[in-house]
Amino acid sequence: MGVPLPEDLRKWLLQNNLDLPEEEADDEVECCGFAGFPDEGTFFLGIRAMEKLYANRSRPGGFDPPDRPDNPFWRNDWVPFLSDRDGWAGKFIDVRDGRVGRWRVGEITITGEYASLARYFDSVAEMLTKVADGSHPVCEVIEGRLHWS
């Protein structure tokens, strides 16, 4: 990709390569990875899927659109790590400072939603704790599987 990865992202990728085996990869699908977690519509991306989505989003000049450098939809400094199947929405880590943000096509990109990847994973753990104790409003465990309503 040509950008240095923040240390917590590097460590996570070294321990968790979520790419599908080559023979199961689908070139028609923009993103693939570990489906259904943290919710049923998104995927944690493997390295190949990150590279593919990053290549699709990055632009000459470093940001998109080129006339909005202070508030772009996408910056080449952002590395996606979670996405929907089509690559239209997801979360990224900013390689400049390690903060996590989110994008959705047609909406304003949110930067600094979490201070770090570690803080994002803390929030996921907190959500799963609420699911396990029955206090999460839109998710429950049914027959050992997460069920989103």
N, C-alpha and C. Protein backbone atom coordinates (compact mmCIF):
# COMPACT_ATOMS: atom_id res chain seq x y z
N MET A 1 0.81 -1.19 0.00
CA MET A 1 0.00 0.00 0.00
C MET A 1 0.86 1.26 0.00
N GLY A 2 2.08 1.13 0.49
CA GLY A 2 2.97 2.28 0.47
C GLY A 2 2.83 3.21 1.65
N VAL A 3 2.11 2.81 2.70
CA VAL A 3 1.99 3.63 3.90
C VAL A 3 2.42 2.79 5.10
N PRO A 4 3.09 3.41 6.08
CA PRO A 4 3.46 2.66 7.28
C PRO A 4 2.22 2.40 8.14
N LEU A 5 2.10 1.19 8.65
CA LEU A 5 0.95 0.85 9.47
C LEU A 5 1.21 1.15 10.93
N PRO A 6 0.22 1.67 11.65
CA PRO A 6 0.38 1.86 13.09
C PRO A 6 0.71 0.53 13.77
N GLU A 7 1.46 0.58 14.85
CA GLU A 7 1.95 -0.63 15.50
C GLU A 7 0.83 -1.57 15.94
N ASP A 8 -0.28 -1.03 16.49
CA ASP A 8 -1.34 -1.94 16.94
C ASP A 8 -2.02 -2.64 15.77
N LEU A 9 -2.12 -2.00 14.60
CA LEU A 9 -2.67 -2.65 13.42
C LEU A 9 -1.70 -3.72 12.92
N ARG A 10 -0.41 -3.41 12.89
CA ARG A 10 0.59 -4.41 12.46
C ARG A 10 0.52 -5.66 13.34
N LYS A 11 0.47 -5.46 14.65
CA LYS A 11 0.42 -6.61 15.57
C LYS A 11 -0.84 -7.43 15.35
N TRP A 12 -1.97 -6.74 15.19
CA TRP A 12 -3.23 -7.46 14.99
C TRP A 12 -3.19 -8.27 13.70
N LEU A 13 -2.68 -7.68 12.61
CA LEU A 13 -2.60 -8.39 11.34
C LEU A 13 -1.65 -9.57 11.39
N LEU A 14 -0.54 -9.42 12.12
CA LEU A 14 0.40 -10.54 12.23
C LEU A 14 -0.22 -11.72 12.98
N GLN A 15 -1.13 -11.44 13.88
CA GLN A 15 -1.77 -12.51 14.64
C GLN A 15 -3.06 -13.01 14.00
N ASN A 16 -3.69 -12.20 13.16
CA ASN A 16 -5.02 -12.52 12.64
C ASN A 16 -5.13 -12.19 11.15
N ASN A 17 -4.63 -13.04 10.29
CA ASN A 17 -4.85 -12.81 8.87
C ASN A 17 -6.21 -13.40 8.51
N LEU A 18 -7.16 -12.54 8.19
CA LEU A 18 -8.53 -12.97 7.97
C LEU A 18 -8.87 -13.18 6.51
N ASP A 19 -7.87 -13.23 5.63
CA ASP A 19 -8.15 -13.46 4.22
C ASP A 19 -8.71 -14.85 4.01
N LEU A 20 -9.63 -14.94 3.06
CA LEU A 20 -10.09 -16.25 2.62
C LEU A 20 -8.97 -16.94 1.85
N PRO A 21 -8.96 -18.26 1.83
CA PRO A 21 -7.98 -18.94 0.96
C PRO A 21 -8.18 -18.50 -0.49
N GLU A 22 -7.09 -18.46 -1.26
CA GLU A 22 -7.15 -18.01 -2.66
C GLU A 22 -8.27 -18.68 -3.45
N GLU A 23 -8.45 -19.99 -3.25
CA GLU A 23 -9.46 -20.72 -4.03
C GLU A 23 -10.89 -20.32 -3.67
N GLU A 24 -11.10 -19.67 -2.53
CA GLU A 24 -12.43 -19.24 -2.13
C GLU A 24 -12.69 -17.76 -2.41
N ALA A 25 -11.66 -17.03 -2.83
CA ALA A 25 -11.80 -15.59 -3.08
C ALA A 25 -12.72 -15.36 -4.27
N ASP A 26 -13.50 -14.30 -4.21
CA ASP A 26 -14.45 -13.94 -5.27
C ASP A 26 -14.07 -12.56 -5.79
N ASP A 27 -13.60 -12.48 -7.03
CA ASP A 27 -13.17 -11.22 -7.60
C ASP A 27 -14.31 -10.22 -7.77
N GLU A 28 -15.54 -10.69 -7.78
CA GLU A 28 -16.70 -9.80 -7.93
C GLU A 28 -17.06 -9.11 -6.62
N VAL A 29 -16.55 -9.61 -5.51
CA VAL A 29 -16.84 -9.04 -4.20
C VAL A 29 -15.71 -8.10 -3.82
N GLU A 30 -16.05 -6.87 -3.47
CA GLU A 30 -15.02 -5.89 -3.12
C GLU A 30 -14.28 -6.29 -1.86
N CYS A 31 -15.01 -6.74 -0.84
CA CYS A 31 -14.39 -7.05 0.45
C CYS A 31 -14.86 -8.40 0.95
N CYS A 32 -13.98 -9.07 1.61
CA CYS A 32 -14.35 -10.30 2.28
C CYS A 32 -13.44 -10.46 3.48
N GLY A 33 -13.86 -11.24 4.39
CA GLY A 33 -13.09 -11.44 5.61
C GLY A 33 -13.92 -12.25 6.57
N PHE A 34 -13.85 -11.93 7.85
CA PHE A 34 -14.59 -12.66 8.86
C PHE A 34 -15.98 -12.05 8.96
N ALA A 35 -16.97 -12.68 8.36
CA ALA A 35 -18.30 -12.11 8.23
C ALA A 35 -19.12 -12.23 9.51
N GLY A 36 -20.02 -11.27 9.70
CA GLY A 36 -20.99 -11.33 10.77
C GLY A 36 -20.52 -10.85 12.12
N PHE A 37 -19.36 -10.30 12.17
CA PHE A 37 -18.84 -9.76 13.42
C PHE A 37 -18.00 -8.55 13.10
N PRO A 38 -18.17 -7.43 13.72
CA PRO A 38 -18.95 -7.20 14.92
C PRO A 38 -20.45 -7.07 14.71
N ASP A 39 -20.92 -7.01 13.46
CA ASP A 39 -22.36 -7.09 13.22
C ASP A 39 -22.56 -7.85 11.92
N GLU A 40 -23.81 -8.13 11.60
CA GLU A 40 -24.06 -9.02 10.47
C GLU A 40 -23.80 -8.41 9.10
N GLY A 41 -23.57 -7.10 9.02
CA GLY A 41 -23.38 -6.47 7.72
C GLY A 41 -21.95 -6.10 7.37
N THR A 42 -20.99 -6.41 8.24
CA THR A 42 -19.62 -5.99 8.00
C THR A 42 -18.64 -7.15 8.13
N PHE A 43 -17.42 -6.90 7.68
CA PHE A 43 -16.35 -7.88 7.71
C PHE A 43 -15.10 -7.24 8.28
N PHE A 44 -14.41 -7.94 9.16
CA PHE A 44 -13.02 -7.57 9.44
C PHE A 44 -12.24 -8.03 8.24
N LEU A 45 -11.38 -7.18 7.72
CA LEU A 45 -10.68 -7.46 6.48
C LEU A 45 -9.36 -8.16 6.72
N GLY A 46 -9.03 -9.08 5.82
CA GLY A 46 -7.71 -9.65 5.78
C GLY A 46 -6.78 -8.73 5.01
N ILE A 47 -5.53 -9.08 4.95
CA ILE A 47 -4.52 -8.21 4.32
C ILE A 47 -4.83 -7.98 2.84
N ARG A 48 -5.15 -9.04 2.10
CA ARG A 48 -5.45 -8.86 0.67
C ARG A 48 -6.67 -7.96 0.47
N ALA A 49 -7.70 -8.16 1.28
CA ALA A 49 -8.90 -7.33 1.15
C ALA A 49 -8.60 -5.88 1.52
N MET A 50 -7.75 -5.66 2.52
CA MET A 50 -7.34 -4.29 2.87
C MET A 50 -6.64 -3.64 1.69
N GLU A 51 -5.71 -4.36 1.10
CA GLU A 51 -4.96 -3.82 -0.04
C GLU A 51 -5.89 -3.50 -1.20
N LYS A 52 -6.84 -4.39 -1.48
CA LYS A 52 -7.76 -4.19 -2.60
C LYS A 52 -8.64 -2.96 -2.36
N LEU A 53 -9.20 -2.85 -1.17
CA LEU A 53 -10.06 -1.71 -0.88
C LEU A 53 -9.26 -0.42 -0.81
N TYR A 54 -8.06 -0.48 -0.24
CA TYR A 54 -7.20 0.71 -0.19
C TYR A 54 -6.88 1.19 -1.62
N ALA A 55 -6.53 0.26 -2.50
CA ALA A 55 -6.22 0.61 -3.89
C ALA A 55 -7.44 1.23 -4.58
N ASN A 56 -8.62 0.74 -4.26
CA ASN A 56 -9.85 1.28 -4.85
C ASN A 56 -10.15 2.69 -4.36
N ARG A 57 -9.82 2.98 -3.11
CA ARG A 57 -10.16 4.27 -2.50
C ARG A 57 -9.08 5.34 -2.69
N SER A 58 -7.81 4.95 -2.73
CA SER A 58 -6.73 5.95 -2.76
C SER A 58 -6.71 6.69 -4.09
N ARG A 59 -6.23 7.93 -4.02
CA ARG A 59 -6.24 8.83 -5.18
C ARG A 59 -4.90 9.52 -5.35
N PRO A 60 -4.53 9.85 -6.59
CA PRO A 60 -3.36 10.69 -6.79
C PRO A 60 -3.60 12.03 -6.07
N GLY A 61 -2.60 12.52 -5.42
CA GLY A 61 -2.76 13.76 -4.65
C GLY A 61 -3.07 13.52 -3.19
N GLY A 62 -3.53 12.31 -2.85
CA GLY A 62 -3.68 11.94 -1.45
C GLY A 62 -5.05 12.03 -0.83
N PHE A 63 -6.02 12.65 -1.51
CA PHE A 63 -7.35 12.74 -0.92
C PHE A 63 -8.40 12.88 -2.00
N ASP A 64 -9.65 12.57 -1.62
CA ASP A 64 -10.78 12.58 -2.54
C ASP A 64 -11.96 13.22 -1.82
N PRO A 65 -12.60 14.23 -2.36
CA PRO A 65 -12.32 14.89 -3.63
C PRO A 65 -11.13 15.85 -3.50
N PRO A 66 -10.48 16.14 -4.62
CA PRO A 66 -9.25 16.94 -4.58
C PRO A 66 -9.44 18.37 -4.13
N ASP A 67 -10.66 18.89 -4.19
CA ASP A 67 -10.88 20.28 -3.78
C ASP A 67 -11.25 20.42 -2.30
N ARG A 68 -11.20 19.31 -1.53
CA ARG A 68 -11.52 19.36 -0.10
C ARG A 68 -10.42 18.73 0.75
N PRO A 69 -9.21 19.25 0.72
CA PRO A 69 -8.12 18.62 1.47
C PRO A 69 -8.31 18.64 2.98
N ASP A 70 -9.06 19.60 3.51
CA ASP A 70 -9.26 19.68 4.95
C ASP A 70 -10.43 18.83 5.45
N ASN A 71 -11.32 18.42 4.56
CA ASN A 71 -12.47 17.62 4.94
C ASN A 71 -12.82 16.65 3.80
N PRO A 72 -11.90 15.75 3.48
CA PRO A 72 -12.15 14.86 2.33
C PRO A 72 -13.06 13.69 2.70
N PHE A 73 -13.60 13.06 1.67
CA PHE A 73 -14.32 11.81 1.86
C PHE A 73 -13.31 10.70 2.18
N TRP A 74 -12.14 10.73 1.52
CA TRP A 74 -11.11 9.72 1.72
C TRP A 74 -9.73 10.33 1.64
N ARG A 75 -8.82 9.88 2.50
CA ARG A 75 -7.40 10.26 2.46
C ARG A 75 -6.58 9.00 2.26
N ASN A 76 -5.49 9.12 1.55
CA ASN A 76 -4.60 7.97 1.37
C ASN A 76 -3.91 7.56 2.67
N ASP A 77 -4.02 8.38 3.70
CA ASP A 77 -3.46 8.06 5.02
C ASP A 77 -4.38 7.14 5.82
N TRP A 78 -5.52 6.77 5.27
CA TRP A 78 -6.48 5.93 5.98
C TRP A 78 -6.41 4.50 5.43
N VAL A 79 -6.26 3.53 6.32
CA VAL A 79 -6.20 2.12 5.92
C VAL A 79 -7.46 1.43 6.44
N PRO A 80 -8.29 0.90 5.54
CA PRO A 80 -9.52 0.24 5.98
C PRO A 80 -9.21 -1.10 6.67
N PHE A 81 -9.96 -1.40 7.73
CA PHE A 81 -9.78 -2.71 8.38
C PHE A 81 -11.12 -3.42 8.58
N LEU A 82 -12.22 -2.73 8.31
CA LEU A 82 -13.55 -3.30 8.45
C LEU A 82 -14.41 -2.68 7.36
N SER A 83 -15.24 -3.48 6.70
CA SER A 83 -16.04 -2.95 5.60
C SER A 83 -17.29 -3.79 5.38
N ASP A 84 -18.25 -3.19 4.68
CA ASP A 84 -19.36 -3.99 4.19
C ASP A 84 -18.90 -4.73 2.94
N ARG A 85 -19.73 -5.58 2.40
CA ARG A 85 -19.35 -6.44 1.27
C ARG A 85 -18.96 -5.65 0.03
N ASP A 86 -19.59 -4.50 -0.18
CA ASP A 86 -19.33 -3.71 -1.39
C ASP A 86 -18.24 -2.66 -1.23
N GLY A 87 -17.72 -2.48 -0.02
CA GLY A 87 -16.71 -1.46 0.21
C GLY A 87 -17.27 -0.05 0.26
N TRP A 88 -18.56 0.08 0.49
CA TRP A 88 -19.19 1.40 0.52
C TRP A 88 -19.18 2.02 1.90
N ALA A 89 -18.91 1.23 2.92
CA ALA A 89 -18.92 1.74 4.30
C ALA A 89 -17.97 0.88 5.13
N GLY A 90 -17.41 1.49 6.16
CA GLY A 90 -16.56 0.72 7.04
C GLY A 90 -15.77 1.60 7.99
N LYS A 91 -14.75 1.01 8.57
CA LYS A 91 -13.87 1.72 9.50
C LYS A 91 -12.44 1.67 8.97
N PHE A 92 -11.69 2.70 9.32
CA PHE A 92 -10.30 2.81 8.89
C PHE A 92 -9.45 3.27 10.06
N ILE A 93 -8.16 3.05 9.95
CA ILE A 93 -7.20 3.58 10.91
C ILE A 93 -6.35 4.61 10.19
N ASP A 94 -6.19 5.77 10.81
CA ASP A 94 -5.40 6.86 10.24
C ASP A 94 -3.93 6.60 10.58
N VAL A 95 -3.10 6.39 9.56
CA VAL A 95 -1.70 6.04 9.81
C VAL A 95 -0.91 7.21 10.37
N ARG A 96 -1.46 8.42 10.31
CA ARG A 96 -0.75 9.58 10.85
C ARG A 96 -0.76 9.61 12.37
N ASP A 97 -1.86 9.15 12.98
CA ASP A 97 -1.95 9.24 14.44
C ASP A 97 -2.58 8.01 15.10
N GLY A 98 -2.98 7.00 14.32
CA GLY A 98 -3.52 5.77 14.88
C GLY A 98 -4.99 5.83 15.26
N ARG A 99 -5.65 6.97 15.03
CA ARG A 99 -7.07 7.06 15.38
C ARG A 99 -7.92 6.27 14.38
N VAL A 100 -9.09 5.83 14.85
CA VAL A 100 -10.02 5.05 14.02
C VAL A 100 -11.18 5.97 13.63
N GLY A 101 -11.55 5.90 12.35
CA GLY A 101 -12.69 6.65 11.85
C GLY A 101 -13.59 5.74 11.04
N ARG A 102 -14.64 6.34 10.46
CA ARG A 102 -15.56 5.54 9.64
C ARG A 102 -16.00 6.33 8.41
N TRP A 103 -16.31 5.59 7.37
CA TRP A 103 -16.80 6.21 6.14
C TRP A 103 -18.05 5.47 5.68
N ARG A 104 -18.86 6.18 4.92
CA ARG A 104 -20.02 5.61 4.22
C ARG A 104 -20.21 6.47 2.99
N VAL A 105 -20.29 5.85 1.83
CA VAL A 105 -20.47 6.58 0.58
C VAL A 105 -21.73 7.44 0.69
N GLY A 106 -21.60 8.71 0.32
CA GLY A 106 -22.71 9.64 0.34
C GLY A 106 -22.88 10.36 1.67
N GLU A 107 -22.05 10.04 2.66
CA GLU A 107 -22.14 10.70 3.96
C GLU A 107 -20.80 11.32 4.31
N ILE A 108 -20.79 12.16 5.33
CA ILE A 108 -19.56 12.79 5.78
C ILE A 108 -18.71 11.75 6.52
N THR A 109 -17.44 11.69 6.19
CA THR A 109 -16.53 10.76 6.86
C THR A 109 -16.24 11.26 8.26
N ILE A 110 -16.27 10.35 9.22
CA ILE A 110 -16.01 10.68 10.62
C ILE A 110 -14.59 10.25 10.97
N THR A 111 -13.78 11.18 11.43
CA THR A 111 -12.42 10.85 11.86
C THR A 111 -12.35 10.89 13.38
N GLY A 112 -11.45 10.12 13.96
CA GLY A 112 -11.27 10.16 15.40
C GLY A 112 -12.43 9.60 16.20
N GLU A 113 -13.18 8.68 15.63
CA GLU A 113 -14.28 8.06 16.36
C GLU A 113 -13.76 7.31 17.59
N TYR A 114 -12.57 6.71 17.46
CA TYR A 114 -11.88 6.05 18.57
C TYR A 114 -10.44 6.53 18.57
N ALA A 115 -9.85 6.63 19.74
CA ALA A 115 -8.47 7.13 19.86
C ALA A 115 -7.45 6.17 19.28
N SER A 116 -7.79 4.89 19.19
CA SER A 116 -6.84 3.89 18.67
C SER A 116 -7.60 2.62 18.31
N LEU A 117 -6.93 1.72 17.63
CA LEU A 117 -7.52 0.42 17.32
C LEU A 117 -7.81 -0.33 18.62
N ALA A 118 -6.92 -0.21 19.58
CA ALA A 118 -7.13 -0.87 20.88
C ALA A 118 -8.41 -0.36 21.54
N ARG A 119 -8.65 0.95 21.48
CA ARG A 119 -9.87 1.50 22.07
C ARG A 119 -11.11 1.02 21.32
N TYR A 120 -11.00 0.88 20.00
CA TYR A 120 -12.12 0.33 19.22
C TYR A 120 -12.43 -1.10 19.69
N PHE A 121 -11.39 -1.93 19.82
CA PHE A 121 -11.60 -3.31 20.27
C PHE A 121 -12.14 -3.34 21.69
N ASP A 122 -11.75 -2.39 22.54
CA ASP A 122 -12.34 -2.29 23.88
C ASP A 122 -13.85 -2.07 23.78
N SER A 123 -14.26 -1.21 22.84
CA SER A 123 -15.70 -0.93 22.69
C SER A 123 -16.44 -2.17 22.20
N VAL A 124 -15.81 -2.95 21.33
CA VAL A 124 -16.42 -4.20 20.86
C VAL A 124 -16.56 -5.17 22.04
N ALA A 125 -15.53 -5.26 22.88
CA ALA A 125 -15.60 -6.13 24.06
C ALA A 125 -16.71 -5.69 25.00
N GLU A 126 -16.85 -4.38 25.18
CA GLU A 126 -17.93 -3.85 26.03
C GLU A 126 -19.29 -4.22 25.46
N MET A 127 -19.45 -4.12 24.12
CA MET A 127 -20.70 -4.48 23.49
C MET A 127 -20.98 -5.97 23.69
N LEU A 128 -19.98 -6.81 23.52
CA LEU A 128 -20.18 -8.25 23.68
C LEU A 128 -20.54 -8.61 25.11
N THR A 129 -19.99 -7.87 26.07
CA THR A 129 -20.36 -8.08 27.47
C THR A 129 -21.84 -7.78 27.67
N LYS A 130 -22.33 -6.71 27.06
CA LYS A 130 -23.75 -6.38 27.15
C LYS A 130 -24.62 -7.44 26.47
N VAL A 131 -24.15 -7.96 25.33
CA VAL A 131 -24.88 -9.03 24.65
C VAL A 131 -24.97 -10.25 25.57
N ALA A 132 -23.85 -10.61 26.18
CA ALA A 132 -23.80 -11.80 27.03
C ALA A 132 -24.69 -11.67 28.26
N ASP A 133 -24.79 -10.47 28.82
CA ASP A 133 -25.62 -10.33 30.03
C ASP A 133 -27.08 -9.93 29.71
N GLY A 134 -27.39 -9.86 28.39
CA GLY A 134 -28.77 -9.60 27.98
C GLY A 134 -29.18 -8.15 27.99
N SER A 135 -28.24 -7.23 28.15
CA SER A 135 -28.62 -5.81 28.22
C SER A 135 -28.37 -5.04 26.94
N HIS A 136 -27.96 -5.71 25.86
CA HIS A 136 -27.77 -5.03 24.58
C HIS A 136 -29.11 -4.95 23.86
N PRO A 137 -29.52 -3.76 23.38
CA PRO A 137 -30.87 -3.59 22.85
C PRO A 137 -31.15 -4.26 21.51
N VAL A 138 -30.14 -4.54 20.69
CA VAL A 138 -30.44 -5.06 19.34
C VAL A 138 -29.74 -6.37 19.03
N CYS A 139 -29.13 -6.99 20.02
CA CYS A 139 -28.44 -8.25 19.75
C CYS A 139 -28.65 -9.20 20.92
N GLU A 140 -28.79 -10.46 20.57
CA GLU A 140 -28.90 -11.49 21.59
C GLU A 140 -28.23 -12.76 21.08
N VAL A 141 -27.99 -13.68 21.99
CA VAL A 141 -27.38 -14.95 21.63
C VAL A 141 -28.51 -15.98 21.52
N ILE A 142 -28.65 -16.58 20.36
CA ILE A 142 -29.63 -17.63 20.14
C ILE A 142 -28.90 -18.85 19.61
N GLU A 143 -29.00 -19.97 20.34
CA GLU A 143 -28.33 -21.21 19.98
C GLU A 143 -26.86 -21.00 19.70
N GLY A 144 -26.22 -20.18 20.53
CA GLY A 144 -24.78 -19.98 20.45
C GLY A 144 -24.31 -19.01 19.37
N ARG A 145 -25.26 -18.35 18.70
CA ARG A 145 -24.90 -17.41 17.63
C ARG A 145 -25.45 -16.03 17.94
N LEU A 146 -24.73 -14.99 17.51
CA LEU A 146 -25.23 -13.63 17.66
C LEU A 146 -26.39 -13.42 16.69
N HIS A 147 -27.49 -12.89 17.20
CA HIS A 147 -28.66 -12.59 16.37
C HIS A 147 -28.96 -11.10 16.51
N TRP A 148 -28.89 -10.38 15.39
CA TRP A 148 -29.12 -8.93 15.38
C TRP A 148 -30.54 -8.65 14.95
N SER A 149 -31.24 -7.81 15.70
CA SER A 149 -32.61 -7.47 15.34
C SER A 149 -32.70 -6.06 14.78
